[in-house]
Amino acid sequence: MIAIDNVLWDGKVADTAVTDPDTTTIRTLNQKLYSDKRVDLSLVPIGDGLTLLRKR
C-alpha cells in the first residue's frame, strides 16, 4: 500500500489555467497513476486529497 498526500493541490489540479511546475507535476502523476493497469487506486477527498494505491 502506498499513500500519496496533497494530490488535489488545493483544487489547482482541476483548473487547467494553472500551469505552474508543481501543479503540472501533480497533475501528470495523477494521470500516470490513473492509467497504470498494474495498480488499483482510490482518491480520498479529505484534506487536500489522498491517493491510496496497491499493486494488483
N, C-alpha and C. Protein backbone atom coordinates (compact mmCIF):
# COMPACT_ATOMS: atom_id res chain seq x y z
N MET A 1 0.85 -1.17 0.00
CA MET A 1 0.00 0.00 0.00
C MET A 1 0.89 1.23 0.00
N ILE A 2 0.57 2.15 -0.87
CA ILE A 2 1.27 3.43 -0.93
C ILE A 2 0.23 4.53 -0.78
N ALA A 3 0.53 5.52 0.05
CA ALA A 3 -0.35 6.68 0.23
C ALA A 3 0.39 7.92 -0.26
N ILE A 4 -0.28 8.71 -1.07
CA ILE A 4 0.29 9.95 -1.60
C ILE A 4 -0.63 11.10 -1.18
N ASP A 5 -0.07 12.05 -0.45
CA ASP A 5 -0.85 13.15 0.09
C ASP A 5 -0.83 14.35 -0.85
N ASN A 6 -1.81 15.23 -0.70
CA ASN A 6 -1.91 16.51 -1.41
C ASN A 6 -2.09 16.37 -2.92
N VAL A 7 -2.81 15.34 -3.36
CA VAL A 7 -2.98 15.12 -4.80
C VAL A 7 -4.01 16.04 -5.44
N LEU A 8 -4.78 16.75 -4.64
CA LEU A 8 -5.73 17.72 -5.21
C LEU A 8 -5.13 19.12 -5.26
N TRP A 9 -4.06 19.32 -4.52
CA TRP A 9 -3.27 20.56 -4.56
C TRP A 9 -4.15 21.80 -4.48
N ASP A 10 -4.99 21.81 -3.44
CA ASP A 10 -5.89 22.94 -3.18
C ASP A 10 -6.84 23.20 -4.36
N GLY A 11 -7.18 22.13 -5.10
CA GLY A 11 -8.08 22.24 -6.24
C GLY A 11 -7.43 22.71 -7.52
N LYS A 12 -6.15 23.05 -7.46
CA LYS A 12 -5.47 23.58 -8.64
C LYS A 12 -5.32 22.56 -9.76
N VAL A 13 -5.24 21.26 -9.43
CA VAL A 13 -5.07 20.25 -10.48
C VAL A 13 -6.25 20.20 -11.44
N ALA A 14 -7.43 20.63 -10.98
CA ALA A 14 -8.61 20.63 -11.84
C ALA A 14 -8.74 21.90 -12.67
N ASP A 15 -7.96 22.90 -12.34
CA ASP A 15 -8.02 24.19 -13.05
C ASP A 15 -6.95 24.22 -14.14
N THR A 16 -7.35 24.05 -15.39
CA THR A 16 -6.39 23.99 -16.49
C THR A 16 -5.66 25.31 -16.71
N ALA A 17 -6.15 26.39 -16.14
CA ALA A 17 -5.47 27.68 -16.27
C ALA A 17 -4.22 27.75 -15.39
N VAL A 18 -4.14 26.88 -14.39
CA VAL A 18 -2.97 26.87 -13.50
C VAL A 18 -1.91 25.98 -14.13
N THR A 19 -0.74 26.55 -14.45
CA THR A 19 0.30 25.79 -15.15
C THR A 19 1.67 25.89 -14.48
N ASP A 20 1.69 26.21 -13.18
CA ASP A 20 2.99 26.27 -12.51
C ASP A 20 3.59 24.86 -12.43
N PRO A 21 4.90 24.74 -12.27
CA PRO A 21 5.57 23.43 -12.31
C PRO A 21 5.05 22.43 -11.27
N ASP A 22 4.76 22.88 -10.05
CA ASP A 22 4.27 21.96 -9.02
C ASP A 22 2.92 21.37 -9.40
N THR A 23 2.01 22.21 -9.82
CA THR A 23 0.67 21.76 -10.20
C THR A 23 0.74 20.83 -11.41
N THR A 24 1.53 21.18 -12.38
CA THR A 24 1.68 20.35 -13.57
C THR A 24 2.24 18.97 -13.22
N THR A 25 3.21 18.93 -12.32
CA THR A 25 3.80 17.67 -11.90
C THR A 25 2.78 16.79 -11.19
N ILE A 26 2.01 17.35 -10.30
CA ILE A 26 0.98 16.57 -9.59
C ILE A 26 -0.09 16.10 -10.55
N ARG A 27 -0.48 16.95 -11.48
CA ARG A 27 -1.48 16.58 -12.50
C ARG A 27 -0.96 15.40 -13.34
N THR A 28 0.31 15.45 -13.73
CA THR A 28 0.92 14.38 -14.51
C THR A 28 0.99 13.08 -13.71
N LEU A 29 1.38 13.18 -12.43
CA LEU A 29 1.42 11.99 -11.58
C LEU A 29 0.04 11.37 -11.46
N ASN A 30 -0.99 12.17 -11.22
CA ASN A 30 -2.35 11.64 -11.10
C ASN A 30 -2.76 10.92 -12.38
N GLN A 31 -2.45 11.49 -13.53
CA GLN A 31 -2.81 10.86 -14.80
C GLN A 31 -2.06 9.54 -15.00
N LYS A 32 -0.78 9.52 -14.67
CA LYS A 32 0.00 8.28 -14.84
C LYS A 32 -0.52 7.18 -13.92
N LEU A 33 -0.83 7.53 -12.68
CA LEU A 33 -1.36 6.54 -11.76
C LEU A 33 -2.71 6.01 -12.25
N TYR A 34 -3.55 6.90 -12.74
CA TYR A 34 -4.87 6.51 -13.25
C TYR A 34 -4.75 5.54 -14.43
N SER A 35 -3.76 5.75 -15.27
CA SER A 35 -3.58 4.94 -16.48
C SER A 35 -2.83 3.64 -16.24
N ASP A 36 -2.20 3.50 -15.09
CA ASP A 36 -1.35 2.34 -14.81
C ASP A 36 -2.20 1.13 -14.44
N LYS A 37 -2.23 0.14 -15.30
CA LYS A 37 -3.02 -1.07 -15.08
C LYS A 37 -2.41 -2.00 -14.04
N ARG A 38 -1.21 -1.68 -13.56
CA ARG A 38 -0.56 -2.54 -12.57
C ARG A 38 -1.01 -2.25 -11.15
N VAL A 39 -1.78 -1.18 -10.95
CA VAL A 39 -2.20 -0.81 -9.61
C VAL A 39 -3.70 -0.55 -9.54
N ASP A 40 -4.25 -0.74 -8.35
CA ASP A 40 -5.61 -0.31 -8.04
C ASP A 40 -5.45 0.94 -7.20
N LEU A 41 -6.27 1.95 -7.44
CA LEU A 41 -6.13 3.17 -6.67
C LEU A 41 -7.46 3.76 -6.29
N SER A 42 -7.39 4.57 -5.26
CA SER A 42 -8.57 5.27 -4.77
C SER A 42 -8.13 6.65 -4.31
N LEU A 43 -8.88 7.65 -4.72
CA LEU A 43 -8.62 9.02 -4.28
C LEU A 43 -9.60 9.33 -3.15
N VAL A 44 -9.06 9.67 -2.01
CA VAL A 44 -9.89 10.01 -0.85
C VAL A 44 -9.92 11.53 -0.74
N PRO A 45 -11.10 12.14 -0.93
CA PRO A 45 -11.18 13.60 -0.97
C PRO A 45 -11.26 14.24 0.42
N ILE A 46 -10.29 13.91 1.27
CA ILE A 46 -10.21 14.55 2.58
C ILE A 46 -9.00 15.47 2.59
N GLY A 47 -9.09 16.55 3.32
CA GLY A 47 -7.97 17.49 3.34
C GLY A 47 -7.69 17.99 1.94
N ASP A 48 -6.47 17.80 1.51
CA ASP A 48 -6.05 18.23 0.18
C ASP A 48 -5.93 17.06 -0.78
N GLY A 49 -6.60 15.97 -0.46
CA GLY A 49 -6.61 14.79 -1.32
C GLY A 49 -5.56 13.78 -0.95
N LEU A 50 -5.97 12.53 -0.89
CA LEU A 50 -5.07 11.43 -0.56
C LEU A 50 -5.32 10.31 -1.55
N THR A 51 -4.28 9.88 -2.24
CA THR A 51 -4.40 8.75 -3.15
C THR A 51 -3.82 7.53 -2.45
N LEU A 52 -4.60 6.44 -2.47
CA LEU A 52 -4.16 5.16 -1.95
C LEU A 52 -4.03 4.21 -3.13
N LEU A 53 -2.89 3.53 -3.22
CA LEU A 53 -2.74 2.57 -4.31
C LEU A 53 -2.06 1.31 -3.82
N ARG A 54 -2.38 0.24 -4.51
CA ARG A 54 -1.77 -1.05 -4.19
C ARG A 54 -1.50 -1.80 -5.50
N LYS A 55 -0.48 -2.60 -5.45
CA LYS A 55 -0.12 -3.40 -6.61
C LYS A 55 -1.15 -4.49 -6.82
N ARG A 56 -1.56 -4.69 -8.07
CA ARG A 56 -2.53 -5.75 -8.40
C ARG A 56 -1.90 -7.10 -8.28
